[in-house]
C-alpha atoms as a PDB file:
ATOM      1  CA  MET A   1      47.913  25.624 -18.478  1.00  0.00           C
ATOM      2  CA  ALA A   2      44.308  25.296 -18.677  1.00  0.00           C
ATOM      3  CA  THR A   3      42.180  23.067 -16.319  1.00  0.00           C
ATOM      4  CA  GLU A   4      39.048  21.637 -17.499  1.00  0.00           C
ATOM      5  CA  PRO A   5      35.973  21.813 -15.361  1.00  0.00           C
ATOM      6  CA  LEU A   6      33.495  19.267 -14.231  1.00  0.00           C
ATOM      7  CA  THR A   7      31.195  18.989 -17.312  1.00  0.00           C
ATOM      8  CA  HIS A   8      29.231  15.783 -16.447  1.00  0.00           C
ATOM      9  CA  VAL A   9      26.569  16.567 -13.669  1.00  0.00           C
ATOM     10  CA  PRO A  10      24.405  13.677 -12.589  1.00  0.00           C
ATOM     11  CA  THR A  11      20.829  14.716 -12.740  1.00  0.00           C
ATOM     12  CA  SER A  12      17.810  12.564 -12.422  1.00  0.00           C
ATOM     13  CA  VAL A  13      15.159  13.308 -15.193  1.00  0.00           C
ATOM     14  CA  VAL A  14      11.880  11.584 -15.898  1.00  0.00           C
ATOM     15  CA  SER A  15      11.779  10.776 -19.481  1.00  0.00           C
ATOM     16  CA  ASP A  16       8.172  11.830 -20.155  1.00  0.00           C
ATOM     17  CA  GLY A  17       8.769  15.307 -19.247  1.00  0.00           C
ATOM     18  CA  GLY A  18       7.451  14.978 -15.745  1.00  0.00           C
ATOM     19  CA  ALA A  19       3.583  14.953 -16.133  1.00  0.00           C
ATOM     20  CA  ARG A  20       2.238  11.529 -15.172  1.00  0.00           C
ATOM     21  CA  ARG A  21      -1.364  10.414 -15.747  1.00  0.00           C
ATOM     22  CA  ALA A  22      -3.148   8.662 -12.846  1.00  0.00           C
ATOM     23  CA  ASP A  23      -2.568   4.791 -12.514  1.00  0.00           C
ATOM     24  CA  ARG A  24      -6.140   3.216 -12.625  1.00  0.00           C
ATOM     25  CA  LEU A  25      -4.976  -0.135 -11.541  1.00  0.00           C
ATOM     26  CA  THR A  26      -3.134   1.216  -8.576  1.00  0.00           C
ATOM     27  CA  MET A  27      -5.992   3.631  -7.539  1.00  0.00           C
ATOM     28  CA  ALA A  28      -8.478   0.227  -8.154  1.00  0.00           C
ATOM     29  CA  GLY A  29      -5.953  -1.783  -5.849  1.00  0.00           C
ATOM     30  CA  GLY A  30      -6.309   0.755  -3.107  1.00  0.00           C
ATOM     31  CA  TRP A  31     -10.162   0.959  -3.352  1.00  0.00           C
ATOM     32  CA  SER A  32     -10.584  -2.844  -3.325  1.00  0.00           C
ATOM     33  CA  LEU A  33      -8.321  -3.090  -0.138  1.00  0.00           C
ATOM     34  CA  ALA A  34     -10.343  -0.208   1.444  1.00  0.00           C
ATOM     35  CA  ALA A  35     -13.543  -2.116   0.290  1.00  0.00           C
ATOM     36  CA  ILE A  36     -12.174  -5.399   1.971  1.00  0.00           C
ATOM     37  CA  ALA A  37     -11.986  -3.305   5.136  1.00  0.00           C
ATOM     38  CA  VAL A  38     -15.453  -1.992   4.997  1.00  0.00           C
ATOM     39  CA  LEU A  39     -16.828  -5.578   4.250  1.00  0.00           C
ATOM     40  CA  HIS A  40     -14.847  -6.642   7.131  1.00  0.00           C
ATOM     41  CA  THR A  41     -16.224  -4.284   9.598  1.00  0.00           C
ATOM     42  CA  LEU A  42     -19.816  -5.062   8.210  1.00  0.00           C
ATOM     43  CA  VAL A  43     -19.415  -8.820   8.814  1.00  0.00           C
ATOM     44  CA  PHE A  44     -18.292  -8.084  12.366  1.00  0.00           C
ATOM     45  CA  ILE A  45     -19.923  -5.026  13.522  1.00  0.00           C
ATOM     46  CA  ALA A  46     -23.119  -6.928  15.135  1.00  0.00           C
ATOM     47  CA  GLN A  47     -21.428  -8.080  17.954  1.00  0.00           C
ATOM     48  CA  PRO A  48     -23.066  -8.363  21.713  1.00  0.00           C
ATOM     49  CA  TRP A  49     -19.366  -7.335  23.241  1.00  0.00           C
ATOM     50  CA  TRP A  50     -19.275  -3.617  22.335  1.00  0.00           C
ATOM     51  CA  GLY A  51     -20.751  -2.929  25.676  1.00  0.00           C
ATOM     52  CA  VAL A  52     -18.253  -4.979  27.571  1.00  0.00           C
ATOM     53  CA  TRP A  53     -15.376  -3.575  25.349  1.00  0.00           C
ATOM     54  CA  LEU A  54     -16.190   0.185  26.027  1.00  0.00           C
ATOM     55  CA  ALA A  55     -16.527  -0.550  29.546  1.00  0.00           C
ATOM     56  CA  GLY A  56     -12.760  -1.541  29.554  1.00  0.00           C
ATOM     57  CA  PRO A  57     -12.778  -4.853  31.456  1.00  0.00           C
ATOM     58  CA  PHE A  58      -9.726  -5.849  29.748  1.00  0.00           C
ATOM     59  CA  ARG A  59      -7.739  -3.983  32.087  1.00  0.00           C
ATOM     60  CA  THR A  60      -9.189  -5.071  35.483  1.00  0.00           C
ATOM     61  CA  GLU A  61     -10.838  -8.565  34.648  1.00  0.00           C
ATOM     62  CA  GLU A  62     -11.006 -11.688  32.721  1.00  0.00           C
ATOM     63  CA  PRO A  63     -13.938 -11.379  30.028  1.00  0.00           C
ATOM     64  CA  PRO A  64     -15.207 -14.512  28.061  1.00  0.00           C
ATOM     65  CA  ASN A  65     -12.848 -15.798  25.759  1.00  0.00           C
ATOM     66  CA  GLU A  66     -15.306 -15.109  23.201  1.00  0.00           C
ATOM     67  CA  ALA A  67     -15.060 -11.329  23.845  1.00  0.00           C
ATOM     68  CA  PHE A  68     -11.144 -11.479  23.378  1.00  0.00           C
ATOM     69  CA  ALA A  69     -11.468 -13.372  19.899  1.00  0.00           C
ATOM     70  CA  GLN A  70     -14.510 -10.850  18.813  1.00  0.00           C
ATOM     71  CA  PHE A  71     -12.228  -7.848  20.040  1.00  0.00           C
ATOM     72  CA  TRP A  72      -9.369  -9.050  17.831  1.00  0.00           C
ATOM     73  CA  ALA A  73     -11.767  -9.596  14.748  1.00  0.00           C
ATOM     74  CA  LEU A  74     -13.150  -6.043  14.731  1.00  0.00           C
ATOM     75  CA  PRO A  75     -11.684  -3.143  17.028  1.00  0.00           C
ATOM     76  CA  GLY A  76      -8.411  -4.582  17.617  1.00  0.00           C
ATOM     77  CA  SER A  77      -8.011  -5.892  13.891  1.00  0.00           C
ATOM     78  CA  PHE A  78      -6.059  -4.376  10.818  1.00  0.00           C
ATOM     79  CA  VAL A  79      -9.524  -2.775   9.668  1.00  0.00           C
ATOM     80  CA  VAL A  80      -8.144   0.610  10.114  1.00  0.00           C
ATOM     81  CA  ILE A  81      -4.860   0.178   9.244  1.00  0.00           C
ATOM     82  CA  GLY A  82      -5.938  -1.454   5.957  1.00  0.00           C
ATOM     83  CA  ALA A  83      -8.696   1.429   5.077  1.00  0.00           C
ATOM     84  CA  LEU A  84      -5.942   3.972   5.593  1.00  0.00           C
ATOM     85  CA  PHE A  85      -3.344   1.924   3.180  1.00  0.00           C
ATOM     86  CA  GLY A  86      -5.971   1.250   0.790  1.00  0.00           C
ATOM     87  CA  LEU A  87      -6.834   4.970   0.791  1.00  0.00           C
ATOM     88  CA  SER A  88      -3.011   5.923   0.633  1.00  0.00           C
ATOM     89  CA  LEU A  89      -2.723   3.656  -2.492  1.00  0.00           C
ATOM     90  CA  VAL A  90      -5.506   5.705  -4.153  1.00  0.00           C
ATOM     91  CA  THR A  91      -3.658   8.700  -3.442  1.00  0.00           C
ATOM     92  CA  LEU A  92      -0.320   7.209  -4.896  1.00  0.00           C
ATOM     93  CA  GLY A  93      -2.541   6.092  -8.203  1.00  0.00           C
ATOM     94  CA  ARG A  94      -3.894   9.885  -8.560  1.00  0.00           C
ATOM     95  CA  ARG A  95      -0.124  10.888  -8.738  1.00  0.00           C
ATOM     96  CA  GLY A  96       0.448   8.660 -11.398  1.00  0.00           C
ATOM     97  CA  ALA A  97       2.522   6.455  -9.156  1.00  0.00           C
ATOM     98  CA  GLN A  98       2.615   2.507  -8.618  1.00  0.00           C
ATOM     99  CA  ALA A  99       3.065   0.909  -5.158  1.00  0.00           C
ATOM    100  CA  PRO A 100       6.578  -0.949  -4.971  1.00  0.00           C
ATOM    101  CA  LEU A 101       6.343  -4.521  -6.008  1.00  0.00           C
ATOM    102  CA  TYR A 102       7.070  -5.629  -2.169  1.00  0.00           C
ATOM    103  CA  VAL A 103       3.645  -4.320  -1.198  1.00  0.00           C
ATOM    104  CA  PRO A 104       1.593  -6.829  -3.143  1.00  0.00           C
ATOM    105  CA  ILE A 105       4.076  -9.465  -2.502  1.00  0.00           C
ATOM    106  CA  ALA A 106       3.898  -8.733   1.292  1.00  0.00           C
ATOM    107  CA  LEU A 107      -0.236  -8.627   0.953  1.00  0.00           C
ATOM    108  CA  ALA A 108       0.003 -12.044  -0.905  1.00  0.00           C
ATOM    109  CA  LEU A 109       2.142 -13.771   1.689  1.00  0.00           C
ATOM    110  CA  TRP A 110       0.197 -12.224   4.426  1.00  0.00           C
ATOM    111  CA  GLY A 111      -3.014 -13.325   3.216  1.00  0.00           C
ATOM    112  CA  ALA A 112      -1.911 -16.903   2.190  1.00  0.00           C
ATOM    113  CA  LEU A 113      -0.540 -17.483   5.522  1.00  0.00           C
ATOM    114  CA  CYS A 114      -3.938 -16.491   7.090  1.00  0.00           C
ATOM    115  CA  VAL A 115      -5.865 -18.716   4.812  1.00  0.00           C
ATOM    116  CA  TRP A 116      -3.529 -21.636   5.734  1.00  0.00           C
ATOM    117  CA  ILE A 117      -4.176 -20.638   9.219  1.00  0.00           C
ATOM    118  CA  VAL A 118      -8.086 -20.314   9.119  1.00  0.00           C
ATOM    119  CA  GLY A 119      -8.876 -22.123   5.981  1.00  0.00           C
ATOM    120  CA  PRO A 120     -11.211 -20.154   3.157  1.00  0.00           C
ATOM    121  CA  SER A 121     -12.074 -16.732   4.348  1.00  0.00           C
ATOM    122  CA  GLY A 122     -12.294 -13.146   3.654  1.00  0.00           C
ATOM    123  CA  PHE A 123      -8.595 -13.349   3.550  1.00  0.00           C
ATOM    124  CA  MET A 124      -9.053 -14.679  -0.287  1.00  0.00           C
ATOM    125  CA  LEU A 125     -10.241 -11.303  -1.163  1.00  0.00           C
ATOM    126  CA  LEU A 126      -6.672 -10.081  -1.065  1.00  0.00           C
ATOM    127  CA  ILE A 127      -6.021 -11.382  -4.418  1.00  0.00           C
ATOM    128  CA  VAL A 128      -7.918  -8.697  -5.937  1.00  0.00           C
ATOM    129  CA  PRO A 129      -5.526  -5.932  -4.822  1.00  0.00           C
ATOM    130  CA  VAL A 130      -2.581  -8.025  -5.129  1.00  0.00           C
ATOM    131  CA  ALA A 131      -3.487  -8.512  -8.677  1.00  0.00           C
ATOM    132  CA  LEU A 132      -4.120  -4.926  -9.876  1.00  0.00           C
ATOM    133  CA  LEU A 133      -0.885  -3.638  -7.740  1.00  0.00           C
ATOM    134  CA  VAL A 134       1.472  -6.551  -9.564  1.00  0.00           C
ATOM    135  CA  VAL A 135      -0.300  -5.593 -13.030  1.00  0.00           C
ATOM    136  CA  ALA A 136      -0.146  -1.884 -12.141  1.00  0.00           C
ATOM    137  CA  ARG A 137       3.727  -2.312 -11.645  1.00  0.00           C
ATOM    138  CA  VAL A 138       4.132  -4.434 -14.354  1.00  0.00           C
ATOM    139  CA  ARG A 139       2.464  -2.226 -16.846  1.00  0.00           C
ATOM    140  CA  ALA A 140       4.025   0.679 -15.684  1.00  0.00           C
ATOM    141  CA  PRO A 141       5.922   2.597 -18.386  1.00  0.00           C
ATOM    142  CA  ARG A 142       9.676   2.524 -17.850  1.00  0.00           C
ATOM    143  CA  ARG A 143      10.789   5.901 -16.433  1.00  0.00           C
ATOM    144  CA  ASP A 144      14.416   5.663 -16.948  1.00  0.00           C
ATOM    145  CA  GLN A 145      16.834   7.592 -14.839  1.00  0.00           C
ATOM    146  CA  GLY A 146      19.300   9.425 -17.355  1.00  0.00           C
ATOM    147  CA  MET A 147      22.333  11.587 -17.220  1.00  0.00           C
ATOM    148  CA  ILE A 148      22.367  15.131 -18.447  1.00  0.00           C
ATOM    149  CA  ASP A 149      25.633  16.396 -19.891  1.00  0.00           C
ATOM    150  CA  ALA A 150      26.259  20.019 -18.683  1.00  0.00           C
ATOM    151  CA  PRO A 151      27.647  22.190 -21.193  1.00  0.00           C
ATOM    152  CA  ALA A 152      31.172  21.865 -21.508  1.00  0.00           C
ATOM    153  CA  GLU A 153      32.981  25.086 -20.533  1.00  0.00           C
ATOM    154  CA  ALA A 154      36.695  25.254 -21.232  1.00  0.00           C
ATOM    155  CA  ASP A 155      38.403  27.447 -18.601  1.00  0.00           C
ATOM    156  CA  GLU A 156      40.555  29.785 -20.793  1.00  0.00           C
ATOM    157  CA  ARG A 157      42.861  31.776 -18.582  1.00  0.00           C
END
């Protein structure tokens, strides 16, 4: 009696043959996020507290409250992380991929919460990368994950 081997092997296949074009909307979203980080830095860079911060008094003494507030607005802010994340999105877009939908949703929620707390501010600029990333995700071609049938080989003994 012949037994039939497994003939259906699951394999991921990109329906477009593998090569992907750069996703310009994702790249634009990344560049806009990096630009927001640069603009934030330019707005807050001229602070009289740099000498105080670099001297390290936060460890040993109590600087003025304004020094604390400005510290969290510039060197302690999300500027570096925002710029790096934006550049990561640019790289993702160059590879032809889009950010997962949770990325623009999280950015939108964070921006909305910050605008709610501080009022109209630079956080409103987040609408630009959010919109670009959402549109990139929605317009992305559907890359179906398919199954390929392996050739049926009957075991003849």
